Amino acid sequence: MIFVLKRKWDAEAVRMYQEGLENQLQEAKKAVVIAKAEGERKKALETALEFKKMGLPIADIAKGTGLSIDEIEKLK
């Protein structure tokens, strides 16, 4: 009887461990997606600032970078 219970407990422990690993993997994937989006936004802001310094029209900068006109006007 004890062997049956031990197997059951072991199986449950393995299942719980696997679920924990899956949750950690999902969280890591979310973090990567967020970091990538933040990096792309930072690059777009840097590019827009350089274009603004070059004197390009704000509407064209917005179209090229995907940023709003308000965001571009606030850049310094």
PDB file of N, CA and C in Angstrom:
ATOM      1  N   MET A   1       0.817  -1.195   0.000  1.00  0.00           N
ATOM      2  CA  MET A   1       0.000   0.000   0.000  1.00  0.00           C
ATOM      3  C   MET A   1       0.863   1.262   0.000  1.00  0.00           C
ATOM      4  N   ILE A   2       1.942   1.249   0.740  1.00  0.00           N
ATOM      5  CA  ILE A   2       2.810   2.418   0.810  1.00  0.00           C
ATOM      6  C   ILE A   2       3.457   2.693  -0.546  1.00  0.00           C
ATOM      7  N   PHE A   3       3.793   1.633  -1.278  1.00  0.00           N
ATOM      8  CA  PHE A   3       4.411   1.819  -2.591  1.00  0.00           C
ATOM      9  C   PHE A   3       3.447   2.497  -3.552  1.00  0.00           C
ATOM     10  N   VAL A   4       2.173   2.145  -3.446  1.00  0.00           N
ATOM     11  CA  VAL A   4       1.158   2.761  -4.307  1.00  0.00           C
ATOM     12  C   VAL A   4       1.040   4.253  -3.987  1.00  0.00           C
ATOM     13  N   LEU A   5       1.000   4.565  -2.715  1.00  0.00           N
ATOM     14  CA  LEU A   5       0.922   5.978  -2.326  1.00  0.00           C
ATOM     15  C   LEU A   5       2.166   6.746  -2.747  1.00  0.00           C
ATOM     16  N   LYS A   6       3.334   6.136  -2.590  1.00  0.00           N
ATOM     17  CA  LYS A   6       4.576   6.800  -2.984  1.00  0.00           C
ATOM     18  C   LYS A   6       4.579   7.088  -4.475  1.00  0.00           C
ATOM     19  N   ARG A   7       4.157   6.134  -5.276  1.00  0.00           N
ATOM     20  CA  ARG A   7       4.093   6.355  -6.730  1.00  0.00           C
ATOM     21  C   ARG A   7       3.131   7.487  -7.063  1.00  0.00           C
ATOM     22  N   LYS A   8       1.996   7.493  -6.365  1.00  0.00           N
ATOM     23  CA  LYS A   8       1.009   8.544  -6.603  1.00  0.00           C
ATOM     24  C   LYS A   8       1.596   9.908  -6.247  1.00  0.00           C
ATOM     25  N   TRP A   9       2.263   9.995  -5.094  1.00  0.00           N
ATOM     26  CA  TRP A   9       2.870  11.260  -4.669  1.00  0.00           C
ATOM     27  C   TRP A   9       3.984  11.689  -5.626  1.00  0.00           C
ATOM     28  N   ASP A  10       4.770  10.736  -6.061  1.00  0.00           N
ATOM     29  CA  ASP A  10       5.848  11.045  -7.004  1.00  0.00           C
ATOM     30  C   ASP A  10       5.283  11.565  -8.322  1.00  0.00           C
ATOM     31  N   ALA A  11       4.239  10.912  -8.807  1.00  0.00           N
ATOM     32  CA  ALA A  11       3.618  11.334 -10.065  1.00  0.00           C
ATOM     33  C   ALA A  11       3.042  12.740  -9.932  1.00  0.00           C
ATOM     34  N   GLU A  12       2.421  13.010  -8.793  1.00  0.00           N
ATOM     35  CA  GLU A  12       1.855  14.343  -8.558  1.00  0.00           C
ATOM     36  C   GLU A  12       2.965  15.392  -8.471  1.00  0.00           C
ATOM     37  N   ALA A  13       4.070  15.062  -7.824  1.00  0.00           N
ATOM     38  CA  ALA A  13       5.194  15.995  -7.726  1.00  0.00           C
ATOM     39  C   ALA A  13       5.773  16.305  -9.104  1.00  0.00           C
ATOM     40  N   VAL A  14       5.890  15.299  -9.940  1.00  0.00           N
ATOM     41  CA  VAL A  14       6.411  15.501 -11.299  1.00  0.00           C
ATOM     42  C   VAL A  14       5.461  16.377 -12.099  1.00  0.00           C
ATOM     43  N   ARG A  15       4.170  16.136 -11.975  1.00  0.00           N
ATOM     44  CA  ARG A  15       3.170  16.927 -12.704  1.00  0.00           C
ATOM     45  C   ARG A  15       3.236  18.396 -12.258  1.00  0.00           C
ATOM     46  N   MET A  16       3.318  18.622 -10.979  1.00  0.00           N
ATOM     47  CA  MET A  16       3.384  19.986 -10.465  1.00  0.00           C
ATOM     48  C   MET A  16       4.669  20.689 -10.921  1.00  0.00           C
ATOM     49  N   TYR A  17       5.776  19.973 -10.954  1.00  0.00           N
ATOM     50  CA  TYR A  17       7.043  20.530 -11.412  1.00  0.00           C
ATOM     51  C   TYR A  17       6.945  20.923 -12.885  1.00  0.00           C
ATOM     52  N   GLN A  18       6.345  20.048 -13.692  1.00  0.00           N
ATOM     53  CA  GLN A  18       6.205  20.342 -15.118  1.00  0.00           C
ATOM     54  C   GLN A  18       5.322  21.570 -15.344  1.00  0.00           C
ATOM     55  N   GLU A  19       4.250  21.677 -14.576  1.00  0.00           N
ATOM     56  CA  GLU A  19       3.379  22.844 -14.701  1.00  0.00           C
ATOM     57  C   GLU A  19       4.140  24.116 -14.335  1.00  0.00           C
ATOM     58  N   GLY A  20       4.963  24.027 -13.306  1.00  0.00           N
ATOM     59  CA  GLY A  20       5.763  25.186 -12.918  1.00  0.00           C
ATOM     60  C   GLY A  20       6.728  25.601 -14.010  1.00  0.00           C
ATOM     61  N   LEU A  21       7.356  24.618 -14.648  1.00  0.00           N
ATOM     62  CA  LEU A  21       8.280  24.928 -15.746  1.00  0.00           C
ATOM     63  C   LEU A  21       7.534  25.556 -16.921  1.00  0.00           C
ATOM     64  N   GLU A  22       6.363  25.043 -17.228  1.00  0.00           N
ATOM     65  CA  GLU A  22       5.566  25.592 -18.328  1.00  0.00           C
ATOM     66  C   GLU A  22       5.171  27.040 -18.031  1.00  0.00           C
ATOM     67  N   ASN A  23       4.792  27.304 -16.787  1.00  0.00           N
ATOM     68  CA  ASN A  23       4.429  28.678 -16.415  1.00  0.00           C
ATOM     69  C   ASN A  23       5.630  29.607 -16.525  1.00  0.00           C
ATOM     70  N   GLN A  24       6.790  29.147 -16.103  1.00  0.00           N
ATOM     71  CA  GLN A  24       7.998  29.965 -16.210  1.00  0.00           C
ATOM     72  C   GLN A  24       8.341  30.244 -17.662  1.00  0.00           C
ATOM     73  N   LEU A  25       8.170  29.257 -18.518  1.00  0.00           N
ATOM     74  CA  LEU A  25       8.452  29.437 -19.936  1.00  0.00           C
ATOM     75  C   LEU A  25       7.502  30.452 -20.556  1.00  0.00           C
ATOM     76  N   GLN A  26       6.230  30.381 -20.205  1.00  0.00           N
ATOM     77  CA  GLN A  26       5.259  31.348 -20.724  1.00  0.00           C
ATOM     78  C   GLN A  26       5.597  32.766 -20.270  1.00  0.00           C
ATOM     79  N   GLU A  27       5.978  32.922 -19.012  1.00  0.00           N
ATOM     80  CA  GLU A  27       6.349  34.236 -18.499  1.00  0.00           C
ATOM     81  C   GLU A  27       7.599  34.763 -19.211  1.00  0.00           C
ATOM     82  N   ALA A  28       8.544  33.890 -19.461  1.00  0.00           N
ATOM     83  CA  ALA A  28       9.765  34.300 -20.161  1.00  0.00           C
ATOM     84  C   ALA A  28       9.444  34.749 -21.584  1.00  0.00           C
ATOM     85  N   LYS A  29       8.548  34.038 -22.250  1.00  0.00           N
ATOM     86  CA  LYS A  29       8.153  34.420 -23.610  1.00  0.00           C
ATOM     87  C   LYS A  29       7.476  35.783 -23.609  1.00  0.00           C
ATOM     88  N   LYS A  30       6.619  36.033 -22.624  1.00  0.00           N
ATOM     89  CA  LYS A  30       5.960  37.335 -22.527  1.00  0.00           C
ATOM     90  C   LYS A  30       6.986  38.439 -22.313  1.00  0.00           C
ATOM     91  N   ALA A  31       7.966  38.181 -21.472  1.00  0.00           N
ATOM     92  CA  ALA A  31       9.000  39.176 -21.189  1.00  0.00           C
ATOM     93  C   ALA A  31       9.799  39.497 -22.454  1.00  0.00           C
ATOM     94  N   VAL A  32      10.079  38.495 -23.254  1.00  0.00           N
ATOM     95  CA  VAL A  32      10.822  38.711 -24.499  1.00  0.00           C
ATOM     96  C   VAL A  32      10.009  39.569 -25.467  1.00  0.00           C
ATOM     97  N   VAL A  33       8.730  39.283 -25.580  1.00  0.00           N
ATOM     98  CA  VAL A  33       7.864  40.059 -26.475  1.00  0.00           C
ATOM     99  C   VAL A  33       7.804  41.515 -26.025  1.00  0.00           C
ATOM    100  N   ILE A  34       7.661  41.730 -24.721  1.00  0.00           N
ATOM    101  CA  ILE A  34       7.593  43.093 -24.194  1.00  0.00           C
ATOM    102  C   ILE A  34       8.918  43.823 -24.428  1.00  0.00           C
ATOM    103  N   ALA A  35      10.020  43.163 -24.160  1.00  0.00           N
ATOM    104  CA  ALA A  35      11.333  43.787 -24.345  1.00  0.00           C
ATOM    105  C   ALA A  35      11.572  44.138 -25.809  1.00  0.00           C
ATOM    106  N   LYS A  36      11.150  43.259 -26.694  1.00  0.00           N
ATOM    107  CA  LYS A  36      11.328  43.518 -28.124  1.00  0.00           C
ATOM    108  C   LYS A  36      10.503  44.730 -28.549  1.00  0.00           C
ATOM    109  N   ALA A  37       9.266  44.815 -28.074  1.00  0.00           N
ATOM    110  CA  ALA A  37       8.404  45.945 -28.426  1.00  0.00           C
ATOM    111  C   ALA A  37       8.980  47.250 -27.891  1.00  0.00           C
ATOM    112  N   GLU A  38       9.497  47.217 -26.662  1.00  0.00           N
ATOM    113  CA  GLU A  38      10.102  48.416 -26.088  1.00  0.00           C
ATOM    114  C   GLU A  38      11.336  48.841 -26.873  1.00  0.00           C
ATOM    115  N   GLY A  39      12.117  47.877 -27.309  1.00  0.00           N
ATOM    116  CA  GLY A  39      13.302  48.186 -28.102  1.00  0.00           C
ATOM    117  C   GLY A  39      12.944  48.786 -29.449  1.00  0.00           C
ATOM    118  N   GLU A  40      11.901  48.250 -30.082  1.00  0.00           N
ATOM    119  CA  GLU A  40      11.466  48.791 -31.378  1.00  0.00           C
ATOM    120  C   GLU A  40      10.935  50.212 -31.225  1.00  0.00           C
ATOM    121  N   ARG A  41      10.215  50.455 -30.137  1.00  0.00           N
ATOM    122  CA  ARG A  41       9.687  51.802 -29.899  1.00  0.00           C
ATOM    123  C   ARG A  41      10.837  52.784 -29.652  1.00  0.00           C
ATOM    124  N   LYS A  42      11.811  52.371 -28.873  1.00  0.00           N
ATOM    125  CA  LYS A  42      12.961  53.238 -28.600  1.00  0.00           C
ATOM    126  C   LYS A  42      13.675  53.581 -29.904  1.00  0.00           C
ATOM    127  N   LYS A  43      13.859  52.602 -30.755  1.00  0.00           N
ATOM    128  CA  LYS A  43      14.526  52.834 -32.035  1.00  0.00           C
ATOM    129  C   LYS A  43      13.715  53.786 -32.909  1.00  0.00           C
ATOM    130  N   ALA A  44      12.393  53.627 -32.907  1.00  0.00           N
ATOM    131  CA  ALA A  44      11.534  54.518 -33.691  1.00  0.00           C
ATOM    132  C   ALA A  44      11.644  55.950 -33.177  1.00  0.00           C
ATOM    133  N   LEU A  45      11.696  56.114 -31.860  1.00  0.00           N
ATOM    134  CA  LEU A  45      11.841  57.456 -31.292  1.00  0.00           C
ATOM    135  C   LEU A  45      13.186  58.079 -31.657  1.00  0.00           C
ATOM    136  N   GLU A  46      14.249  57.276 -31.597  1.00  0.00           N
ATOM    137  CA  GLU A  46      15.576  57.769 -31.970  1.00  0.00           C
ATOM    138  C   GLU A  46      15.612  58.183 -33.442  1.00  0.00           C
ATOM    139  N   THR A  47      15.027  57.362 -34.282  1.00  0.00           N
ATOM    140  CA  THR A  47      14.992  57.654 -35.714  1.00  0.00           C
ATOM    141  C   THR A  47      14.183  58.914 -35.982  1.00  0.00           C
ATOM    142  N   ALA A  48      13.033  59.031 -35.324  1.00  0.00           N
ATOM    143  CA  ALA A  48      12.190  60.208 -35.510  1.00  0.00           C
ATOM    144  C   ALA A  48      12.921  61.478 -35.076  1.00  0.00           C
ATOM    145  N   LEU A  49      13.656  61.395 -33.987  1.00  0.00           N
ATOM    146  CA  LEU A  49      14.405  62.565 -33.526  1.00  0.00           C
ATOM    147  C   LEU A  49      15.460  62.971 -34.547  1.00  0.00           C
ATOM    148  N   GLU A  50      16.157  62.013 -35.103  1.00  0.00           N
ATOM    149  CA  GLU A  50      17.163  62.330 -36.126  1.00  0.00           C
ATOM    150  C   GLU A  50      16.518  62.949 -37.362  1.00  0.00           C
ATOM    151  N   PHE A  51      15.387  62.398 -37.786  1.00  0.00           N
ATOM    152  CA  PHE A  51      14.675  62.961 -38.950  1.00  0.00           C
ATOM    153  C   PHE A  51      14.196  64.380 -38.651  1.00  0.00           C
ATOM    154  N   LYS A  52      13.737  64.592 -37.424  1.00  0.00           N
ATOM    155  CA  LYS A  52      13.264  65.923 -37.045  1.00  0.00           C
ATOM    156  C   LYS A  52      14.416  66.924 -37.086  1.00  0.00           C
ATOM    157  N   LYS A  53      15.581  66.491 -36.600  1.00  0.00           N
ATOM    158  CA  LYS A  53      16.766  67.360 -36.639  1.00  0.00           C
ATOM    159  C   LYS A  53      17.168  67.690 -38.078  1.00  0.00           C
ATOM    160  N   MET A  54      16.904  66.750 -38.983  1.00  0.00           N
ATOM    161  CA  MET A  54      17.241  66.955 -40.391  1.00  0.00           C
ATOM    162  C   MET A  54      16.237  67.874 -41.080  1.00  0.00           C
ATOM    163  N   GLY A  55      15.134  68.169 -40.401  1.00  0.00           N
ATOM    164  CA  GLY A  55      14.145  69.091 -40.966  1.00  0.00           C
ATOM    165  C   GLY A  55      13.076  68.435 -41.811  1.00  0.00           C
ATOM    166  N   LEU A  56      12.931  67.138 -41.716  1.00  0.00           N
ATOM    167  CA  LEU A  56      11.879  66.468 -42.490  1.00  0.00           C
ATOM    168  C   LEU A  56      10.509  66.830 -41.940  1.00  0.00           C
ATOM    169  N   PRO A  57       9.487  66.851 -42.786  1.00  0.00           N
ATOM    170  CA  PRO A  57       8.136  67.153 -42.314  1.00  0.00           C
ATOM    171  C   PRO A  57       7.661  66.115 -41.290  1.00  0.00           C
ATOM    172  N   ILE A  58       6.994  66.599 -40.257  1.00  0.00           N
ATOM    173  CA  ILE A  58       6.552  65.724 -39.174  1.00  0.00           C
ATOM    174  C   ILE A  58       5.587  64.656 -39.685  1.00  0.00           C
ATOM    175  N   ALA A  59       4.747  64.999 -40.621  1.00  0.00           N
ATOM    176  CA  ALA A  59       3.803  64.019 -41.169  1.00  0.00           C
ATOM    177  C   ALA A  59       4.555  62.863 -41.836  1.00  0.00           C
ATOM    178  N   ASP A  60       5.629  63.188 -42.529  1.00  0.00           N
ATOM    179  CA  ASP A  60       6.429  62.138 -43.173  1.00  0.00           C
ATOM    180  C   ASP A  60       7.146  61.280 -42.131  1.00  0.00           C
ATOM    181  N   ILE A  61       7.638  61.916 -41.084  1.00  0.00           N
ATOM    182  CA  ILE A  61       8.309  61.168 -40.014  1.00  0.00           C
ATOM    183  C   ILE A  61       7.323  60.209 -39.357  1.00  0.00           C
ATOM    184  N   ALA A  62       6.114  60.702 -39.107  1.00  0.00           N
ATOM    185  CA  ALA A  62       5.083  59.867 -38.488  1.00  0.00           C
ATOM    186  C   ALA A  62       4.746  58.680 -39.376  1.00  0.00           C
ATOM    187  N   LYS A  63       4.644  58.931 -40.641  1.00  0.00           N
ATOM    188  CA  LYS A  63       4.320  57.852 -41.584  1.00  0.00           C
ATOM    189  C   LYS A  63       5.441  56.820 -41.642  1.00  0.00           C
ATOM    190  N   GLY A  64       6.669  57.277 -41.622  1.00  0.00           N
ATOM    191  CA  GLY A  64       7.810  56.376 -41.724  1.00  0.00           C
ATOM    192  C   GLY A  64       8.131  55.599 -40.462  1.00  0.00           C
ATOM    193  N   THR A  65       7.840  56.192 -39.312  1.00  0.00           N
ATOM    194  CA  THR A  65       8.202  55.532 -38.054  1.00  0.00           C
ATOM    195  C   THR A  65       7.036  54.851 -37.364  1.00  0.00           C
ATOM    196  N   GLY A  66       5.812  55.217 -37.729  1.00  0.00           N
ATOM    197  CA  GLY A  66       4.643  54.636 -37.065  1.00  0.00           C
ATOM    198  C   GLY A  66       4.297  55.347 -35.768  1.00  0.00           C
ATOM    199  N   LEU A  67       5.001  56.431 -35.469  1.00  0.00           N
ATOM    200  CA  LEU A  67       4.697  57.222 -34.271  1.00  0.00           C
ATOM    201  C   LEU A  67       3.628  58.249 -34.603  1.00  0.00           C
ATOM    202  N   SER A  68       2.978  58.756 -33.558  1.00  0.00           N
ATOM    203  CA  SER A  68       1.967  59.795 -33.784  1.00  0.00           C
ATOM    204  C   SER A  68       2.651  61.148 -33.952  1.00  0.00           C
ATOM    205  N   ILE A  69       1.928  62.064 -34.552  1.00  0.00           N
ATOM    206  CA  ILE A  69       2.450  63.412 -34.747  1.00  0.00           C
ATOM    207  C   ILE A  69       2.723  64.066 -33.393  1.00  0.00           C
ATOM    208  N   ASP A  70       1.836  63.832 -32.428  1.00  0.00           N
ATOM    209  CA  ASP A  70       2.047  64.394 -31.084  1.00  0.00           C
ATOM    210  C   ASP A  70       3.344  63.884 -30.459  1.00  0.00           C
ATOM    211  N   GLU A  71       3.609  62.605 -30.606  1.00  0.00           N
ATOM    212  CA  GLU A  71       4.845  62.028 -30.048  1.00  0.00           C
ATOM    213  C   GLU A  71       6.071  62.680 -30.679  1.00  0.00           C
ATOM    214  N   ILE A  72       6.006  62.877 -31.959  1.00  0.00           N
ATOM    215  CA  ILE A  72       7.153  63.449 -32.682  1.00  0.00           C
ATOM    216  C   ILE A  72       7.343  64.915 -32.310  1.00  0.00           C
ATOM    217  N   GLU A  73       6.256  65.663 -32.165  1.00  0.00           N
ATOM    218  CA  GLU A  73       6.368  67.072 -31.805  1.00  0.00           C
ATOM    219  C   GLU A  73       6.989  67.244 -30.416  1.00  0.00           C
ATOM    220  N   LYS A  74       6.809  66.279 -29.523  1.00  0.00           N
ATOM    221  CA  LYS A  74       7.350  66.369 -28.160  1.00  0.00           C
ATOM    222  C   LYS A  74       8.838  66.025 -28.095  1.00  0.00           C
ATOM    223  N   LEU A  75       9.389  65.463 -29.155  1.00  0.00           N
ATOM    224  CA  LEU A  75      10.794  65.077 -29.144  1.00  0.00           C
ATOM    225  C   LEU A  75      11.693  66.293 -29.160  1.00  0.00           C
ATOM    226  N   LYS A  76      12.778  66.228 -28.376  1.00  0.00           N
ATOM    227  CA  LYS A  76      13.758  67.314 -28.345  1.00  0.00           C
ATOM    228  C   LYS A  76      15.140  66.753 -28.386  1.00  0.00           C
TER     229      LYS A  76
END
